[in-house]
Amino acid sequence: MRRFLLLAFLAFTGLWALTPGRALAQSCDGAGRTWAGAAFANSVSIYSLEWSPFGQAEYGWGAYMPLLQREIRTDCPPGTIDFAQALAQWQGRYALTPTGVFDAATFQVLKGVVQERRPFVMARTRSECPEPPPLNMLGYLSPDEEHADRLTRLLRRDVLDAYRQMVAAARREVPQVAADPELLQIFSAFRDPEADAARCAAQGNCDGLRRAVCSPHRTGTAVDLYVGHLEGVGVDSTDPASRSHMARGATYRWLVQNAGRFGFVPYLYEPWHWEWVGSQP
């Protein structure tokens, strides 16, 4: 309980940001006291909100914080007045009541905005399943780009070029990535649709959160990147604590701010999953 109260206090006062390494805009209280109540509500709910945004019980919304900050265009942490004001302005643009308080309705709009940037998702809404690319359009990853001891991976050649440019930039711009060659390695890339369907059927969770009959990996444009992991769980664990841990890391936060420069867009639920769309969204 004492740890929770301390974290809430730090979030409310702006002393603890979910985006360390980026300059905090002034003290993040330039909006005056109008949004103080909303700021306090956010400082509490970011740890205490009980909800199931993807069907699994979660506490808090820290895993979605970096993407939300990017959307509302602020570096301020969740318990600050300027964050609440920026959120209210964003809510108003999407016909939500501009309370400045994060809630389930706000999340649903955020989810829709992010999902609409993924061509694969839009194709699935039309009941289409994109065909895989011809094999001659696929290129091999080099051993130092593959995470862990798994099968050789393939990507569409244009996506592989963009991925390499992105990683090179991250290693120049993020000390943590430069110091750890494991970060941003790929642990899943192109997946053969037939093999994917067979595995999905064998595991009995087709079209669930963990395996899909029609996966974006069939396109050769989706990558699962190592962005760190919580000790004791896998690199693609969907446990809420694991995803929150990844979202706090410098690698993921850099991707949220910069992956679009190289044509990659995120999947809200999985910090490791990115899809190439070919241009800045």
Protein backbone atom coordinates (compact mmCIF):
# COMPACT_ATOMS: atom_id res chain seq x y z
CA MET A 1 0.00 0.00 0.00
CA ARG A 2 2.80 2.44 0.86
CA ARG A 3 4.47 1.71 -2.49
CA PHE A 4 1.19 2.40 -4.32
CA LEU A 5 0.70 5.70 -2.50
CA LEU A 6 4.27 6.73 -3.29
CA LEU A 7 3.83 5.93 -6.99
CA ALA A 8 0.55 7.82 -7.08
CA PHE A 9 2.19 10.81 -5.43
CA LEU A 10 5.08 10.79 -7.88
CA ALA A 11 2.74 10.53 -10.84
CA PHE A 12 0.54 13.34 -9.55
CA THR A 13 3.40 15.71 -8.84
CA GLY A 14 5.12 14.98 -12.15
CA LEU A 15 8.30 13.77 -10.46
CA TRP A 16 8.01 10.35 -12.09
CA ALA A 17 7.47 10.22 -15.85
CA LEU A 18 6.74 7.17 -17.93
CA THR A 19 8.99 8.67 -20.58
CA PRO A 20 12.37 9.17 -18.86
CA GLY A 21 15.10 10.43 -21.12
CA ARG A 22 12.81 13.04 -22.72
CA ALA A 23 12.75 16.58 -21.39
CA LEU A 24 9.68 17.31 -19.31
CA ALA A 25 7.92 20.37 -20.70
CA GLN A 26 8.50 22.97 -17.98
CA SER A 27 6.89 21.54 -14.83
CA CYS A 28 3.83 20.25 -16.70
CA ASP A 29 1.52 22.48 -14.69
CA GLY A 30 1.29 25.37 -17.15
CA ALA A 31 -2.44 24.81 -17.62
CA GLY A 32 -3.24 26.16 -14.18
CA ARG A 33 -5.39 24.43 -11.57
CA THR A 34 -8.43 23.84 -13.80
CA TRP A 35 -7.39 20.27 -14.49
CA ALA A 36 -6.03 19.45 -11.04
CA GLY A 37 -8.88 17.06 -10.22
CA ALA A 38 -8.47 15.19 -13.48
CA ALA A 39 -4.71 15.03 -12.93
CA PHE A 40 -5.19 13.47 -9.52
CA ALA A 41 -7.73 10.96 -10.88
CA ASN A 42 -5.22 9.90 -13.56
CA SER A 43 -2.43 9.59 -11.01
CA VAL A 44 -4.51 7.05 -9.12
CA SER A 45 -6.15 5.16 -11.98
CA ILE A 46 -2.91 4.52 -13.85
CA TYR A 47 -2.13 2.00 -11.11
CA SER A 48 -5.56 1.10 -9.72
CA LEU A 49 -8.02 0.97 -12.64
CA GLU A 50 -9.64 -2.47 -12.69
CA TRP A 51 -10.68 -3.36 -16.24
CA SER A 52 -10.39 -5.93 -19.03
CA PRO A 53 -9.60 -4.02 -22.24
CA PHE A 54 -8.66 -7.19 -24.12
CA GLY A 55 -10.64 -9.73 -22.13
CA GLN A 56 -7.94 -10.32 -19.52
CA ALA A 57 -8.16 -8.59 -16.15
CA GLU A 58 -5.69 -5.72 -15.80
CA TYR A 59 -4.87 -3.17 -13.13
CA GLY A 60 -3.86 0.25 -14.36
CA TRP A 61 -3.13 1.50 -17.86
CA GLY A 62 0.62 2.05 -17.86
CA ALA A 63 1.09 -0.40 -20.74
CA TYR A 64 -0.78 1.99 -23.04
CA MET A 65 0.71 5.19 -21.68
CA PRO A 66 3.49 5.82 -24.27
CA LEU A 67 1.08 5.47 -27.20
CA LEU A 68 -1.47 7.71 -25.51
CA GLN A 69 1.18 10.35 -24.83
CA ARG A 70 2.12 10.35 -28.49
CA GLU A 71 -1.48 10.66 -29.59
CA ILE A 72 -2.27 13.58 -27.30
CA ARG A 73 1.12 15.15 -28.05
CA THR A 74 2.59 15.57 -24.62
CA ASP A 75 5.64 14.32 -22.76
CA CYS A 76 4.04 15.07 -19.41
CA PRO A 77 3.40 12.15 -17.04
CA PRO A 78 -0.15 11.05 -16.28
CA GLY A 79 -0.61 12.78 -12.95
CA THR A 80 0.13 16.25 -14.24
CA ILE A 81 -2.20 19.09 -15.09
CA ASP A 82 -0.82 19.55 -18.60
CA PHE A 83 -1.37 15.87 -19.37
CA ALA A 84 -5.00 16.15 -18.28
CA GLN A 85 -5.52 19.24 -20.42
CA ALA A 86 -3.92 17.59 -23.47
CA LEU A 87 -6.07 14.52 -22.95
CA ALA A 88 -9.22 16.66 -22.68
CA GLN A 89 -8.40 18.41 -25.94
CA TRP A 90 -7.86 15.05 -27.64
CA GLN A 91 -11.12 13.69 -26.21
CA GLY A 92 -12.94 16.70 -27.60
CA ARG A 93 -11.53 16.10 -31.09
CA TYR A 94 -13.05 12.62 -31.04
CA ALA A 95 -16.47 13.64 -29.73
CA LEU A 96 -15.80 12.36 -26.22
CA THR A 97 -16.67 14.34 -23.13
CA PRO A 98 -13.48 16.35 -22.50
CA THR A 99 -12.95 15.40 -18.88
CA GLY A 100 -9.18 15.03 -19.05
CA VAL A 101 -9.59 11.72 -17.23
CA PHE A 102 -8.51 8.44 -18.79
CA ASP A 103 -11.36 5.92 -18.95
CA ALA A 104 -12.57 2.93 -20.95
CA ALA A 105 -14.32 5.10 -23.56
CA THR A 106 -11.11 7.03 -24.16
CA PHE A 107 -9.23 3.77 -24.55
CA GLN A 108 -11.69 2.45 -27.12
CA VAL A 109 -11.14 5.52 -29.28
CA LEU A 110 -7.38 5.25 -28.86
CA LYS A 111 -7.58 1.59 -29.87
CA GLY A 112 -9.60 2.43 -32.97
CA VAL A 113 -7.24 5.21 -34.03
CA VAL A 114 -4.19 2.96 -33.72
CA GLN A 115 -5.85 -0.04 -35.38
CA GLU A 116 -6.98 1.98 -38.39
CA ARG A 117 -3.35 2.61 -39.27
CA ARG A 118 -2.78 -1.10 -39.83
CA PRO A 119 -3.79 -2.05 -43.40
CA PHE A 120 -3.99 -5.69 -42.31
CA VAL A 121 -6.66 -4.87 -39.73
CA MET A 122 -8.67 -2.88 -42.24
CA ALA A 123 -8.52 -5.81 -44.67
CA ARG A 124 -9.79 -8.14 -41.96
CA THR A 125 -12.76 -5.84 -41.32
CA ARG A 126 -13.66 -6.49 -44.96
CA SER A 127 -13.33 -10.25 -44.33
CA GLU A 128 -10.20 -10.32 -46.49
CA CYS A 129 -7.09 -12.30 -45.66
CA PRO A 130 -4.07 -10.90 -47.54
CA GLU A 131 -2.12 -13.37 -49.64
CA PRO A 132 1.52 -14.00 -48.70
CA PRO A 133 4.18 -12.45 -50.96
CA PRO A 134 6.05 -14.54 -53.55
CA LEU A 135 9.16 -16.16 -52.11
CA ASN A 136 11.42 -14.08 -54.37
CA MET A 137 10.20 -10.96 -52.53
CA LEU A 138 11.49 -12.29 -49.21
CA GLY A 139 14.97 -11.70 -47.83
CA TYR A 140 16.88 -13.48 -45.07
CA LEU A 141 17.69 -11.89 -41.75
CA SER A 142 21.31 -12.03 -40.72
CA PRO A 143 22.14 -14.10 -37.59
CA ASP A 144 22.71 -10.98 -35.47
CA GLU A 145 19.20 -9.78 -36.33
CA GLU A 146 17.49 -12.95 -35.09
CA HIS A 147 16.58 -13.25 -31.45
CA ALA A 148 17.21 -16.58 -29.70
CA ASP A 149 17.93 -19.91 -31.33
CA ARG A 150 15.00 -20.32 -33.68
CA LEU A 151 14.40 -21.03 -37.36
CA THR A 152 15.89 -18.70 -39.96
CA ARG A 153 13.54 -15.82 -40.48
CA LEU A 154 12.38 -14.04 -43.62
CA LEU A 155 10.91 -10.60 -44.31
CA ARG A 156 9.83 -8.79 -47.41
CA ARG A 157 12.99 -7.17 -48.74
CA ASP A 158 11.67 -3.60 -48.55
CA VAL A 159 10.57 -4.19 -44.95
CA LEU A 160 13.94 -5.67 -44.07
CA ASP A 161 15.67 -2.57 -45.45
CA ALA A 162 13.40 -0.31 -43.39
CA TYR A 163 13.96 -2.43 -40.28
CA ARG A 164 17.72 -2.15 -40.65
CA GLN A 165 17.54 1.61 -41.02
CA MET A 166 15.35 1.83 -37.93
CA VAL A 167 17.69 -0.30 -35.82
CA ALA A 168 20.71 1.69 -36.93
CA ALA A 169 18.95 4.90 -35.85
CA ALA A 170 17.94 3.41 -32.51
CA ARG A 171 21.52 2.34 -31.80
CA ARG A 172 22.67 5.88 -32.52
CA GLU A 173 19.95 7.57 -30.47
CA VAL A 174 19.25 5.26 -27.51
CA PRO A 175 22.16 4.39 -25.19
CA GLN A 176 20.37 1.30 -23.86
CA VAL A 177 19.93 -0.10 -27.38
CA ALA A 178 23.52 0.71 -28.29
CA ALA A 179 24.72 -1.15 -25.21
CA ASP A 180 22.60 -4.27 -25.74
CA PRO A 181 22.73 -5.95 -29.18
CA GLU A 182 19.82 -8.18 -28.17
CA LEU A 183 17.40 -5.26 -28.14
CA LEU A 184 15.38 -4.89 -31.36
CA GLN A 185 16.35 -8.32 -32.64
CA ILE A 186 13.45 -10.11 -34.36
CA PHE A 187 11.89 -13.20 -32.82
CA SER A 188 9.07 -13.59 -35.36
CA ALA A 189 8.83 -12.33 -38.92
CA PHE A 190 7.26 -13.93 -42.01
CA ARG A 191 5.27 -17.03 -41.11
CA ASP A 192 4.02 -19.51 -43.66
CA PRO A 193 0.18 -19.42 -43.55
CA GLU A 194 -0.21 -23.20 -43.71
CA ALA A 195 2.23 -23.78 -40.88
CA ASP A 196 0.61 -21.01 -38.86
CA ALA A 197 -2.86 -22.47 -39.36
CA ALA A 198 -1.65 -25.94 -38.37
CA ARG A 199 -0.06 -24.62 -35.20
CA CYS A 200 -3.15 -22.59 -34.36
CA ALA A 201 -5.35 -25.67 -34.75
CA ALA A 202 -2.99 -27.81 -32.70
CA GLN A 203 -2.98 -25.29 -29.87
CA GLY A 204 -6.75 -24.89 -29.99
CA ASN A 205 -6.82 -21.11 -29.79
CA CYS A 206 -7.44 -20.03 -33.38
CA ASP A 207 -8.33 -16.37 -33.80
CA GLY A 208 -7.70 -15.73 -30.14
CA LEU A 209 -5.23 -13.19 -28.80
CA ARG A 210 -2.38 -15.66 -28.99
CA ARG A 211 -2.82 -17.26 -32.42
CA ALA A 212 -4.80 -16.38 -35.53
CA VAL A 213 -5.79 -18.36 -38.59
CA CYS A 214 -5.05 -15.25 -40.64
CA SER A 215 -2.01 -13.63 -39.06
CA PRO A 216 -0.37 -10.37 -40.15
CA HIS A 217 2.89 -12.31 -40.19
CA ARG A 218 1.76 -13.99 -43.43
CA THR A 219 2.29 -10.66 -45.21
CA GLY A 220 6.03 -10.48 -44.59
CA THR A 221 5.54 -6.95 -43.23
CA ALA A 222 5.02 -7.77 -39.52
CA VAL A 223 7.85 -8.13 -37.03
CA ASP A 224 8.02 -9.12 -33.38
CA LEU A 225 10.90 -7.18 -31.83
CA TYR A 226 12.70 -7.89 -28.59
CA VAL A 227 12.09 -4.83 -26.42
CA GLY A 228 13.12 -6.43 -23.13
CA HIS A 229 11.11 -8.69 -20.89
CA LEU A 230 10.12 -9.25 -17.31
CA GLU A 231 12.27 -11.83 -15.57
CA GLY A 232 10.61 -15.23 -15.44
CA VAL A 233 8.26 -14.74 -18.41
CA GLY A 234 8.68 -14.96 -22.17
CA VAL A 235 9.57 -12.18 -24.56
CA ASP A 236 6.02 -12.28 -25.91
CA SER A 237 4.16 -12.76 -22.65
CA THR A 238 0.77 -11.04 -22.63
CA ASP A 239 0.70 -10.93 -18.85
CA PRO A 240 -0.28 -7.33 -17.96
CA ALA A 241 2.75 -6.90 -15.70
CA SER A 242 5.02 -8.05 -18.52
CA ARG A 243 3.52 -5.66 -21.04
CA SER A 244 3.69 -2.76 -18.59
CA HIS A 245 7.36 -3.56 -17.97
CA MET A 246 8.09 -3.45 -21.70
CA ALA A 247 6.18 -0.19 -22.13
CA ARG A 248 8.32 1.52 -19.50
CA GLY A 249 11.53 0.59 -21.28
CA ALA A 250 13.54 3.08 -23.33
CA THR A 251 13.46 0.79 -26.37
CA TYR A 252 9.68 0.69 -26.64
CA ARG A 253 9.31 4.38 -25.87
CA TRP A 254 11.75 5.19 -28.66
CA LEU A 255 9.79 3.00 -31.07
CA VAL A 256 6.54 4.75 -30.20
CA GLN A 257 8.09 8.13 -30.99
CA ASN A 258 10.24 7.14 -33.97
CA ALA A 259 9.15 3.92 -35.69
CA GLY A 260 6.82 5.92 -37.94
CA ARG A 261 9.88 7.57 -39.48
CA PHE A 262 10.66 4.19 -40.99
CA GLY A 263 7.12 3.18 -41.88
CA PHE A 264 6.28 1.00 -38.86
CA VAL A 265 3.06 1.21 -36.84
CA PRO A 266 2.29 -0.51 -33.52
CA TYR A 267 -0.21 -3.04 -32.28
CA LEU A 268 -1.68 -1.60 -29.10
CA TYR A 269 -1.85 -4.88 -27.17
CA GLU A 270 1.65 -6.21 -27.88
CA PRO A 271 4.58 -3.83 -27.34
CA TRP A 272 6.79 -6.13 -29.42
CA HIS A 273 4.57 -6.27 -32.54
CA TRP A 274 5.08 -3.74 -35.35
CA GLU A 275 3.83 -3.66 -38.92
CA TRP A 276 5.35 -1.87 -41.88
CA VAL A 277 2.98 0.35 -43.87
CA GLY A 278 5.56 2.07 -46.02
CA SER A 279 5.02 5.68 -44.99
CA GLN A 280 4.56 7.97 -42.03
CA PRO A 281 1.01 7.41 -40.65
